PDB file of N, CA and C in Angstrom:
ATOM      1  N   MET A   1     -12.894  15.260 -30.849  1.00  0.00           N
ATOM      2  CA  MET A   1     -12.190  14.522 -30.968  1.00  0.00           C
ATOM      3  C   MET A   1     -11.426  14.738 -32.323  1.00  0.00           C
ATOM      4  N   VAL A   2      -9.768  13.393 -32.002  1.00  0.00           N
ATOM      5  CA  VAL A   2      -8.859  13.429 -32.418  1.00  0.00           C
ATOM      6  C   VAL A   2      -8.185  12.355 -33.244  1.00  0.00           C
ATOM      7  N   THR A   3      -8.838  12.907 -34.839  1.00  0.00           N
ATOM      8  CA  THR A   3      -7.653  11.758 -35.639  1.00  0.00           C
ATOM      9  C   THR A   3      -6.741  11.188 -35.530  1.00  0.00           C
ATOM     10  N   LEU A   4      -6.154  10.135 -35.531  1.00  0.00           N
ATOM     11  CA  LEU A   4      -4.775   9.690 -35.614  1.00  0.00           C
ATOM     12  C   LEU A   4      -4.444   8.916 -37.137  1.00  0.00           C
ATOM     13  N   THR A   5      -3.577   8.906 -37.492  1.00  0.00           N
ATOM     14  CA  THR A   5      -3.093   8.157 -38.845  1.00  0.00           C
ATOM     15  C   THR A   5      -2.082   7.244 -37.716  1.00  0.00           C
ATOM     16  N   LEU A   6      -2.000   5.860 -38.673  1.00  0.00           N
ATOM     17  CA  LEU A   6      -0.823   5.158 -38.502  1.00  0.00           C
ATOM     18  C   LEU A   6      -0.645   4.112 -39.626  1.00  0.00           C
ATOM     19  N   GLU A   7       0.647   4.822 -39.557  1.00  0.00           N
ATOM     20  CA  GLU A   7       1.198   3.172 -41.450  1.00  0.00           C
ATOM     21  C   GLU A   7       0.629   1.744 -41.022  1.00  0.00           C
ATOM     22  N   SER A   8      -0.114   1.615 -42.109  1.00  0.00           N
ATOM     23  CA  SER A   8      -0.250  -0.460 -42.760  1.00  0.00           C
ATOM     24  C   SER A   8       0.672  -0.561 -41.290  1.00  0.00           C
ATOM     25  N   GLU A   9       1.763  -0.615 -41.136  1.00  0.00           N
ATOM     26  CA  GLU A   9       1.967  -1.690 -40.304  1.00  0.00           C
ATOM     27  C   GLU A   9       1.683  -1.706 -38.723  1.00  0.00           C
ATOM     28  N   TYR A  10       1.719  -0.898 -38.236  1.00  0.00           N
ATOM     29  CA  TYR A  10       0.601  -0.501 -36.407  1.00  0.00           C
ATOM     30  C   TYR A  10      -0.362  -1.347 -36.893  1.00  0.00           C
ATOM     31  N   VAL A  11      -1.015  -1.101 -37.625  1.00  0.00           N
ATOM     32  CA  VAL A  11      -2.567  -1.480 -37.932  1.00  0.00           C
ATOM     33  C   VAL A  11      -2.990  -2.887 -38.089  1.00  0.00           C
ATOM     34  N   ASP A  12      -1.420  -3.242 -38.857  1.00  0.00           N
ATOM     35  CA  ASP A  12      -1.931  -4.486 -38.981  1.00  0.00           C
ATOM     36  C   ASP A  12      -1.300  -5.566 -37.891  1.00  0.00           C
ATOM     37  N   LEU A  13      -0.188  -4.844 -36.867  1.00  0.00           N
ATOM     38  CA  LEU A  13       0.169  -5.316 -35.732  1.00  0.00           C
ATOM     39  C   LEU A  13      -0.847  -5.780 -34.775  1.00  0.00           C
ATOM     40  N   LEU A  14      -1.843  -4.756 -34.351  1.00  0.00           N
ATOM     41  CA  LEU A  14      -2.752  -4.549 -33.633  1.00  0.00           C
ATOM     42  C   LEU A  14      -3.847  -5.285 -33.536  1.00  0.00           C
ATOM     43  N   LYS A  15      -4.093  -5.336 -34.861  1.00  0.00           N
ATOM     44  CA  LYS A  15      -5.582  -6.236 -35.503  1.00  0.00           C
ATOM     45  C   LYS A  15      -6.131  -7.034 -34.911  1.00  0.00           C
ATOM     46  N   PRO A  16      -4.927  -7.948 -34.454  1.00  0.00           N
ATOM     47  CA  PRO A  16      -5.340  -9.751 -33.845  1.00  0.00           C
ATOM     48  C   PRO A  16      -5.740  -9.444 -32.638  1.00  0.00           C
ATOM     49  N   PHE A  17      -5.642  -7.957 -31.473  1.00  0.00           N
ATOM     50  CA  PHE A  17      -5.768  -8.032 -30.731  1.00  0.00           C
ATOM     51  C   PHE A  17      -7.354  -7.503 -30.696  1.00  0.00           C
ATOM     52  N   GLY A  18      -8.312  -7.262 -31.590  1.00  0.00           N
ATOM     53  CA  GLY A  18      -9.889  -6.451 -30.998  1.00  0.00           C
ATOM     54  C   GLY A  18      -9.348  -5.422 -32.694  1.00  0.00           C
ATOM     55  N   GLN A  19     -10.636  -4.490 -32.331  1.00  0.00           N
ATOM     56  CA  GLN A  19     -10.706  -3.538 -33.500  1.00  0.00           C
ATOM     57  C   GLN A  19      -9.616  -2.523 -32.000  1.00  0.00           C
ATOM     58  N   VAL A  20      -8.248  -2.133 -33.660  1.00  0.00           N
ATOM     59  CA  VAL A  20      -7.637  -1.042 -33.450  1.00  0.00           C
ATOM     60  C   VAL A  20      -7.779   0.000 -32.748  1.00  0.00           C
ATOM     61  N   GLU A  21      -8.729   0.780 -32.623  1.00  0.00           N
ATOM     62  CA  GLU A  21      -9.310   2.394 -32.021  1.00  0.00           C
ATOM     63  C   GLU A  21      -8.950   1.752 -30.384  1.00  0.00           C
ATOM     64  N   GLU A  22     -10.676   0.536 -29.876  1.00  0.00           N
ATOM     65  CA  GLU A  22     -10.295   0.401 -28.543  1.00  0.00           C
ATOM     66  C   GLU A  22      -8.900  -0.297 -28.020  1.00  0.00           C
ATOM     67  N   VAL A  23      -8.232  -1.096 -29.385  1.00  0.00           N
ATOM     68  CA  VAL A  23      -7.100  -1.812 -28.812  1.00  0.00           C
ATOM     69  C   VAL A  23      -6.242  -0.057 -28.069  1.00  0.00           C
ATOM     70  N   LEU A  24      -5.762   0.619 -29.300  1.00  0.00           N
ATOM     71  CA  LEU A  24      -5.098   1.763 -29.560  1.00  0.00           C
ATOM     72  C   LEU A  24      -5.822   2.801 -27.920  1.00  0.00           C
ATOM     73  N   LYS A  25      -6.747   2.654 -26.842  1.00  0.00           N
ATOM     74  CA  LYS A  25      -7.516   3.329 -26.740  1.00  0.00           C
ATOM     75  C   LYS A  25      -6.683   2.294 -24.292  1.00  0.00           C
ATOM     76  N   GLU A  26      -7.126   0.868 -24.630  1.00  0.00           N
ATOM     77  CA  GLU A  26      -6.443   0.366 -23.353  1.00  0.00           C
ATOM     78  C   GLU A  26      -4.865   0.349 -23.617  1.00  0.00           C
ATOM     79  N   ILE A  27      -3.924   0.106 -24.678  1.00  0.00           N
ATOM     80  CA  ILE A  27      -2.468   1.060 -25.024  1.00  0.00           C
ATOM     81  C   ILE A  27      -2.486   2.230 -23.791  1.00  0.00           C
ATOM     82  N   ILE A  28      -2.683   3.331 -24.150  1.00  0.00           N
ATOM     83  CA  ILE A  28      -3.077   4.596 -23.688  1.00  0.00           C
ATOM     84  C   ILE A  28      -3.460   4.664 -22.354  1.00  0.00           C
ATOM     85  N   ARG A  29      -4.374   3.894 -21.792  1.00  0.00           N
ATOM     86  CA  ARG A  29      -5.138   3.621 -20.331  1.00  0.00           C
ATOM     87  C   ARG A  29      -3.622   3.601 -19.780  1.00  0.00           C
ATOM     88  N   CYS A  30      -3.223   2.006 -20.252  1.00  0.00           N
ATOM     89  CA  CYS A  30      -1.894   1.491 -19.961  1.00  0.00           C
ATOM     90  C   CYS A  30      -0.055   2.199 -19.250  1.00  0.00           C
ATOM     91  N   TYR A  31      -0.735   3.170 -20.335  1.00  0.00           N
ATOM     92  CA  TYR A  31       1.055   3.192 -20.881  1.00  0.00           C
ATOM     93  C   TYR A  31       0.819   5.320 -19.533  1.00  0.00           C
ATOM     94  N   ALA A  32      -0.600   5.019 -18.716  1.00  0.00           N
ATOM     95  CA  ALA A  32      -0.683   6.688 -18.033  1.00  0.00           C
ATOM     96  C   ALA A  32      -0.115   5.146 -17.086  1.00  0.00           C
ATOM     97  N   ARG A  33      -1.410   3.985 -16.796  1.00  0.00           N
ATOM     98  CA  ARG A  33      -1.004   3.694 -15.352  1.00  0.00           C
ATOM     99  C   ARG A  33       0.648   3.409 -15.187  1.00  0.00           C
ATOM    100  N   GLU A  34       0.926   2.167 -15.268  1.00  0.00           N
ATOM    101  CA  GLU A  34       2.130   2.164 -15.939  1.00  0.00           C
ATOM    102  C   GLU A  34       2.985   3.461 -15.457  1.00  0.00           C
ATOM    103  N   TYR A  35       3.074   4.749 -16.557  1.00  0.00           N
ATOM    104  CA  TYR A  35       3.940   5.433 -16.306  1.00  0.00           C
ATOM    105  C   TYR A  35       3.636   6.586 -15.468  1.00  0.00           C
ATOM    106  N   ALA A  36       3.235   7.365 -15.274  1.00  0.00           N
ATOM    107  CA  ALA A  36       2.300   8.405 -14.890  1.00  0.00           C
ATOM    108  C   ALA A  36       1.914   7.322 -13.285  1.00  0.00           C
ATOM    109  N   ILE A  37       1.469   6.994 -13.263  1.00  0.00           N
ATOM    110  CA  ILE A  37       0.932   6.747 -12.071  1.00  0.00           C
ATOM    111  C   ILE A  37       1.758   6.771 -11.108  1.00  0.00           C
ATOM    112  N   ALA A  38       2.050   4.979 -11.772  1.00  0.00           N
ATOM    113  CA  ALA A  38       3.234   4.471 -11.091  1.00  0.00           C
ATOM    114  C   ALA A  38       5.021   4.926 -11.160  1.00  0.00           C
ATOM    115  N   LYS A  39       5.245   6.475 -11.946  1.00  0.00           N
ATOM    116  CA  LYS A  39       6.400   6.828 -11.269  1.00  0.00           C
ATOM    117  C   LYS A  39       5.447   8.047 -10.061  1.00  0.00           C
ATOM    118  N   LEU A  40       4.447   8.811  -9.818  1.00  0.00           N
ATOM    119  CA  LEU A  40       4.311   9.477  -8.974  1.00  0.00           C
ATOM    120  C   LEU A  40       4.026   8.361  -7.980  1.00  0.00           C
ATOM    121  N   GLN A  41       3.291   7.590  -7.817  1.00  0.00           N
ATOM    122  CA  GLN A  41       3.457   6.053  -6.653  1.00  0.00           C
ATOM    123  C   GLN A  41       4.290   6.186  -5.828  1.00  0.00           C
ATOM    124  N   GLU A  42       5.590   6.043  -6.799  1.00  0.00           N
ATOM    125  CA  GLU A  42       7.112   6.091  -6.236  1.00  0.00           C
ATOM    126  C   GLU A  42       7.359   6.736  -5.540  1.00  0.00           C
ATOM    127  N   GLN A  43       6.789   8.024  -6.142  1.00  0.00           N
ATOM    128  CA  GLN A  43       7.498   9.443  -5.521  1.00  0.00           C
ATOM    129  C   GLN A  43       6.799   9.579  -3.948  1.00  0.00           C
ATOM    130  N   ILE A  44       6.282   9.019  -3.868  1.00  0.00           N
ATOM    131  CA  ILE A  44       5.596   9.646  -2.993  1.00  0.00           C
ATOM    132  C   ILE A  44       6.034   8.507  -1.748  1.00  0.00           C
ATOM    133  N   ASN A  45       5.775   7.380  -2.754  1.00  0.00           N
ATOM    134  CA  ASN A  45       6.275   6.122  -1.452  1.00  0.00           C
ATOM    135  C   ASN A  45       7.779   6.454  -0.558  1.00  0.00           C
ATOM    136  N   GLN A  46       9.136   7.530  -1.821  1.00  0.00           N
ATOM    137  CA  GLN A  46      10.804   7.694  -1.309  1.00  0.00           C
ATOM    138  C   GLN A  46       9.447   8.380   0.356  1.00  0.00           C
ATOM    139  N   PHE A  47       8.948   9.555  -0.110  1.00  0.00           N
ATOM    140  CA  PHE A  47       8.768  10.166   0.733  1.00  0.00           C
ATOM    141  C   PHE A  47       8.207   9.046   2.134  1.00  0.00           C
ATOM    142  N   GLU A  48       7.752   8.996   2.007  1.00  0.00           N
ATOM    143  CA  GLU A  48       7.103   7.942   3.186  1.00  0.00           C
ATOM    144  C   GLU A  48       8.064   7.631   3.547  1.00  0.00           C
ATOM    145  N   ILE A  49       9.118   6.748   2.673  1.00  0.00           N
ATOM    146  CA  ILE A  49       9.167   6.226   3.392  1.00  0.00           C
ATOM    147  C   ILE A  49      11.084   6.774   4.848  1.00  0.00           C
ATOM    148  N   LYS A  50      11.251   7.489   3.717  1.00  0.00           N
ATOM    149  CA  LYS A  50      12.124   9.389   4.272  1.00  0.00           C
ATOM    150  C   LYS A  50      11.545   9.698   5.994  1.00  0.00           C
ATOM    151  N   TYR A  51      10.007  10.027   5.503  1.00  0.00           N
ATOM    152  CA  TYR A  51       9.802  10.241   7.325  1.00  0.00           C
ATOM    153  C   TYR A  51       9.045   9.199   7.819  1.00  0.00           C
ATOM    154  N   GLY A  52       8.612   7.815   7.317  1.00  0.00           N
ATOM    155  CA  GLY A  52       7.702   7.297   8.172  1.00  0.00           C
ATOM    156  C   GLY A  52       6.465   7.971   8.276  1.00  0.00           C
ATOM    157  N   LEU A  53       5.790   8.400   7.462  1.00  0.00           N
ATOM    158  CA  LEU A  53       4.674   8.777   7.854  1.00  0.00           C
ATOM    159  C   LEU A  53       3.972   9.113   6.142  1.00  0.00           C
ATOM    160  N   PRO A  54       2.345   9.115   5.680  1.00  0.00           N
ATOM    161  CA  PRO A  54       1.631   9.894   4.895  1.00  0.00           C
ATOM    162  C   PRO A  54       2.097  10.717   4.608  1.00  0.00           C
ATOM    163  N   TYR A  55       1.650  11.267   4.047  1.00  0.00           N
ATOM    164  CA  TYR A  55       1.848  13.037   3.663  1.00  0.00           C
ATOM    165  C   TYR A  55       0.433  13.686   4.042  1.00  0.00           C
ATOM    166  N   ASP A  56      -0.596  12.868   4.248  1.00  0.00           N
ATOM    167  CA  ASP A  56      -1.934  13.889   5.277  1.00  0.00           C
ATOM    168  C   ASP A  56      -1.120  13.848   7.078  1.00  0.00           C
ATOM    169  N   GLN A  57      -0.629  12.975   7.003  1.00  0.00           N
ATOM    170  CA  GLN A  57       0.188  12.524   7.832  1.00  0.00           C
ATOM    171  C   GLN A  57       1.569  13.192   8.843  1.00  0.00           C
ATOM    172  N   PHE A  58       1.973  13.756   7.813  1.00  0.00           N
ATOM    173  CA  PHE A  58       2.877  14.492   7.566  1.00  0.00           C
ATOM    174  C   PHE A  58       2.769  15.645   8.207  1.00  0.00           C
ATOM    175  N   TYR A  59       1.542  16.560   7.177  1.00  0.00           N
ATOM    176  CA  TYR A  59       1.309  17.835   7.134  1.00  0.00           C
ATOM    177  C   TYR A  59       0.784  17.917   8.423  1.00  0.00           C
ATOM    178  N   ASP A  60      -0.308  17.339   8.879  1.00  0.00           N
ATOM    179  CA  ASP A  60      -0.648  17.555  10.301  1.00  0.00           C
ATOM    180  C   ASP A  60       0.368  17.662  10.831  1.00  0.00           C
ATOM    181  N   ARG A  61       1.443  16.713  11.433  1.00  0.00           N
ATOM    182  CA  ARG A  61       2.554  17.005  11.690  1.00  0.00           C
ATOM    183  C   ARG A  61       2.977  18.078  12.315  1.00  0.00           C
ATOM    184  N   VAL A  62       3.789  18.398  11.065  1.00  0.00           N
ATOM    185  CA  VAL A  62       4.782  20.386  10.938  1.00  0.00           C
ATOM    186  C   VAL A  62       3.624  21.135  11.429  1.00  0.00           C
ATOM    187  N   ALA A  63       2.493  21.299  11.102  1.00  0.00           N
ATOM    188  CA  ALA A  63       1.800  22.172  11.099  1.00  0.00           C
ATOM    189  C   ALA A  63       1.411  22.254  12.521  1.00  0.00           C
ATOM    190  N   THR A  64       1.185  21.056  13.678  1.00  0.00           N
ATOM    191  CA  THR A  64       0.917  21.343  14.638  1.00  0.00           C
ATOM    192  C   THR A  64       1.844  20.398  15.617  1.00  0.00           C
ATOM    193  N   ASP A  65       2.622  19.698  15.347  1.00  0.00           N
ATOM    194  CA  ASP A  65       3.336  19.278  16.285  1.00  0.00           C
ATOM    195  C   ASP A  65       4.667  20.528  16.454  1.00  0.00           C
ATOM    196  N   GLU A  66       5.066  21.271  18.024  1.00  0.00           N
ATOM    197  CA  GLU A  66       6.178  21.621  17.637  1.00  0.00           C
ATOM    198  C   GLU A  66       7.337  20.824  18.252  1.00  0.00           C
ATOM    199  N   LEU A  67       7.550  20.182  18.718  1.00  0.00           N
ATOM    200  CA  LEU A  67       8.205  19.233  18.897  1.00  0.00           C
ATOM    201  C   LEU A  67       8.945  18.742  17.518  1.00  0.00           C
ATOM    202  N   PHE A  68       7.973  18.204  16.969  1.00  0.00           N
ATOM    203  CA  PHE A  68       7.886  17.219  15.512  1.00  0.00           C
ATOM    204  C   PHE A  68       8.923  17.701  14.615  1.00  0.00           C
ATOM    205  N   LEU A  69       8.274  18.991  15.141  1.00  0.00           N
ATOM    206  CA  LEU A  69       9.433  19.998  13.728  1.00  0.00           C
ATOM    207  C   LEU A  69      10.668  20.773  14.296  1.00  0.00           C
ATOM    208  N   ALA A  70      10.750  21.010  15.811  1.00  0.00           N
ATOM    209  CA  ALA A  70      12.107  21.054  16.011  1.00  0.00           C
ATOM    210  C   ALA A  70      13.445  19.874  15.075  1.00  0.00           C
ATOM    211  N   LYS A  71      12.380  18.858  16.003  1.00  0.00           N
ATOM    212  CA  LYS A  71      13.544  17.439  15.290  1.00  0.00           C
ATOM    213  C   LYS A  71      13.362  17.532  14.070  1.00  0.00           C
ATOM    214  N   LEU A  72      12.747  17.699  13.428  1.00  0.00           N
ATOM    215  CA  LEU A  72      12.965  18.053  11.508  1.00  0.00           C
ATOM    216  C   LEU A  72      14.055  19.001  11.402  1.00  0.00           C
ATOM    217  N   ASN A  73      13.842  20.329  11.309  1.00  0.00           N
ATOM    218  CA  ASN A  73      14.883  21.153  11.546  1.00  0.00           C
ATOM    219  C   ASN A  73      16.209  21.025  11.847  1.00  0.00           C
ATOM    220  N   GLN A  74      16.654  19.889  12.648  1.00  0.00           N
ATOM    221  CA  GLN A  74      17.189  19.335  13.338  1.00  0.00           C
ATOM    222  C   GLN A  74      18.196  18.323  12.539  1.00  0.00           C
ATOM    223  N   ALA A  75      16.900  17.452  11.611  1.00  0.00           N
ATOM    224  CA  ALA A  75      18.442  16.364  11.600  1.00  0.00           C
ATOM    225  C   ALA A  75      17.678  16.381   9.733  1.00  0.00           C
ATOM    226  N   ASN A  76      17.291  16.977   8.970  1.00  0.00           N
ATOM    227  CA  ASN A  76      16.667  17.557   7.454  1.00  0.00           C
ATOM    228  C   ASN A  76      16.268  18.431   7.309  1.00  0.00           C
ATOM    229  N   LEU A  77      17.591  19.780   6.397  1.00  0.00           N
ATOM    230  CA  LEU A  77      17.232  21.060   6.143  1.00  0.00           C
ATOM    231  C   LEU A  77      17.012  21.093   5.162  1.00  0.00           C
ATOM    232  N   VAL A  78      16.417  19.939   4.802  1.00  0.00           N
ATOM    233  CA  VAL A  78      15.291  19.951   2.873  1.00  0.00           C
ATOM    234  C   VAL A  78      14.067  19.198   3.512  1.00  0.00           C
ATOM    235  N   TRP A  79      13.580  19.560   3.957  1.00  0.00           N
ATOM    236  CA  TRP A  79      12.132  18.672   4.974  1.00  0.00           C
ATOM    237  C   TRP A  79      10.885  19.918   4.132  1.00  0.00           C
ATOM    238  N   GLU A  80      11.915  21.311   3.633  1.00  0.00           N
ATOM    239  CA  GLU A  80      10.950  21.899   3.088  1.00  0.00           C
ATOM    240  C   GLU A  80       9.971  21.833   1.881  1.00  0.00           C
ATOM    241  N   LEU A  81      11.784  21.625   1.494  1.00  0.00           N
ATOM    242  CA  LEU A  81      11.748  21.957  -0.461  1.00  0.00           C
ATOM    243  C   LEU A  81      10.631  20.531  -0.827  1.00  0.00           C
ATOM    244  N   ASP A  82      10.899  18.554   0.523  1.00  0.00           N
ATOM    245  CA  ASP A  82      10.165  17.719   0.343  1.00  0.00           C
ATOM    246  C   ASP A  82       9.392  17.264   0.343  1.00  0.00           C
ATOM    247  N   ILE A  83       8.276  18.386   1.811  1.00  0.00           N
ATOM    248  CA  ILE A  83       7.125  18.635   1.367  1.00  0.00           C
ATOM    249  C   ILE A  83       6.276  19.441   0.183  1.00  0.00           C
ATOM    250  N   ASN A  84       6.881  20.338   0.058  1.00  0.00           N
ATOM    251  CA  ASN A  84       6.225  20.685  -1.918  1.00  0.00           C
ATOM    252  C   ASN A  84       6.844  20.017  -2.951  1.00  0.00           C
ATOM    253  N   ALA A  85       7.341  19.244  -3.403  1.00  0.00           N
ATOM    254  CA  ALA A  85       7.959  18.138  -4.265  1.00  0.00           C
ATOM    255  C   ALA A  85       6.093  16.696  -3.192  1.00  0.00           C
ATOM    256  N   TRP A  86       6.670  16.401  -2.808  1.00  0.00           N
ATOM    257  CA  TRP A  86       5.345  15.741  -2.142  1.00  0.00           C
ATOM    258  C   TRP A  86       4.050  16.574  -2.596  1.00  0.00           C
ATOM    259  N   GLU A  87       3.511  16.838  -1.680  1.00  0.00           N
ATOM    260  CA  GLU A  87       2.382  18.145  -2.067  1.00  0.00           C
ATOM    261  C   GLU A  87       2.220  17.971  -3.839  1.00  0.00           C
ATOM    262  N   TYR A  88       2.565  18.503  -4.474  1.00  0.00           N
ATOM    263  CA  TYR A  88       3.217  17.859  -5.854  1.00  0.00           C
ATOM    264  C   TYR A  88       2.596  16.433  -6.405  1.00  0.00           C
ATOM    265  N   ALA A  89       3.550  15.352  -5.475  1.00  0.00           N
ATOM    266  CA  ALA A  89       2.290  14.815  -6.317  1.00  0.00           C
ATOM    267  C   ALA A  89       1.944  13.842  -5.819  1.00  0.00           C
ATOM    268  N   VAL A  90       1.538  13.756  -4.450  1.00  0.00           N
ATOM    269  CA  VAL A  90      -0.057  13.381  -4.468  1.00  0.00           C
ATOM    270  C   VAL A  90      -1.139  14.231  -4.799  1.00  0.00           C
ATOM    271  N   GLU A  91      -1.003  15.185  -5.751  1.00  0.00           N
ATOM    272  CA  GLU A  91      -2.643  16.154  -6.248  1.00  0.00           C
ATOM    273  C   GLU A  91      -1.922  15.515  -7.877  1.00  0.00           C
ATOM    274  N   GLU A  92      -0.724  15.097  -8.226  1.00  0.00           N
ATOM    275  CA  GLU A  92      -0.921  14.947  -9.172  1.00  0.00           C
ATOM    276  C   GLU A  92      -1.364  13.241  -9.517  1.00  0.00           C
ATOM    277  N   LEU A  93      -1.498  12.894  -8.160  1.00  0.00           N
ATOM    278  CA  LEU A  93      -1.450  11.285  -8.355  1.00  0.00           C
ATOM    279  C   LEU A  93      -2.471  11.351  -8.653  1.00  0.00           C
ATOM    280  N   ALA A  94      -3.721  11.554  -7.880  1.00  0.00           N
ATOM    281  CA  ALA A  94      -5.437  12.577  -7.542  1.00  0.00           C
ATOM    282  C   ALA A  94      -6.020  12.864  -9.462  1.00  0.00           C
ATOM    283  N   VAL A  95      -5.263  13.256 -10.013  1.00  0.00           N
ATOM    284  CA  VAL A  95      -5.190  14.300 -11.004  1.00  0.00           C
ATOM    285  C   VAL A  95      -5.082  13.077 -12.347  1.00  0.00           C
ATOM    286  N   TRP A  96      -4.206  12.115 -12.005  1.00  0.00           N
ATOM    287  CA  TRP A  96      -4.085  10.948 -13.096  1.00  0.00           C
ATOM    288  C   TRP A  96      -4.906  10.214 -12.725  1.00  0.00           C
ATOM    289  N   GLN A  97      -5.726   9.685 -11.338  1.00  0.00           N
ATOM    290  CA  GLN A  97      -6.546   8.099 -11.088  1.00  0.00           C
ATOM    291  C   GLN A  97      -7.480   9.529 -11.528  1.00  0.00           C
ATOM    292  N   GLN A  98      -7.954  10.324 -11.289  1.00  0.00           N
ATOM    293  CA  GLN A  98     -10.093  10.765 -12.215  1.00  0.00           C
ATOM    294  C   GLN A  98      -9.750  10.505 -12.964  1.00  0.00           C
ATOM    295  N   ARG A  99      -8.041  10.644 -14.229  1.00  0.00           N
ATOM    296  CA  ARG A  99      -8.402  11.363 -15.770  1.00  0.00           C
ATOM    297  C   ARG A  99      -8.763   9.363 -16.233  1.00  0.00           C
ATOM    298  N   LEU A 100      -8.048   8.649 -15.494  1.00  0.00           N
ATOM    299  CA  LEU A 100      -8.199   7.027 -15.448  1.00  0.00           C
ATOM    300  C   LEU A 100      -9.564   6.107 -16.001  1.00  0.00           C
ATOM    301  N   ALA A 101     -10.505   7.074 -14.343  1.00  0.00           N
ATOM    302  CA  ALA A 101     -11.416   7.209 -13.829  1.00  0.00           C
ATOM    303  C   ALA A 101     -12.532   7.422 -14.687  1.00  0.00           C
ATOM    304  N   LYS A 102     -12.568   8.105 -15.321  1.00  0.00           N
ATOM    305  CA  LYS A 102     -13.162   9.652 -15.959  1.00  0.00           C
ATOM    306  C   LYS A 102     -13.349   8.297 -17.937  1.00  0.00           C
ATOM    307  N   LEU A 103     -11.708   8.319 -18.389  1.00  0.00           N
ATOM    308  CA  LEU A 103     -11.653   7.276 -18.922  1.00  0.00           C
ATOM    309  C   LEU A 103     -12.433   5.675 -18.708  1.00  0.00           C
ATOM    310  N   SER A 104     -12.606   5.179 -18.071  1.00  0.00           N
ATOM    311  CA  SER A 104     -12.801   4.130 -18.090  1.00  0.00           C
ATOM    312  C   SER A 104     -14.872   3.851 -17.716  1.00  0.00           C
ATOM    313  N   ASN A 105     -15.032   4.667 -17.588  1.00  0.00           N
ATOM    314  CA  ASN A 105     -16.802   4.847 -18.081  1.00  0.00           C
ATOM    315  C   ASN A 105     -17.075   5.413 -19.235  1.00  0.00           C
ATOM    316  N   ASN A 106     -15.897   5.989 -19.904  1.00  0.00           N
ATOM    317  CA  ASN A 106     -16.729   5.988 -21.233  1.00  0.00           C
ATOM    318  C   ASN A 106     -16.610   4.982 -21.928  1.00  0.00           C
TER     319      ASN A 106
END
């Protein structure tokens, strides 16, 4: 457990919303949802729009479909960089979702 110190102005601001500790926990959950998860989801959405497939299907096609891979290599020279960033965003999103689920269970 970590102890936080807040200036009294912040405590007074939060008191009308309930127990300050519970309000702060909810603020942190909202911040994670709005910033970390939303940012990662936006990155994933951009890749899905660019390539017209969700990550798992794109990865599968790159690994198994030679014609698809040949077309990618002709049309988009940065797909290998994109797939790395895309994979990272998908994995990081799962981590953040697990963190939030764990917090919700507490």
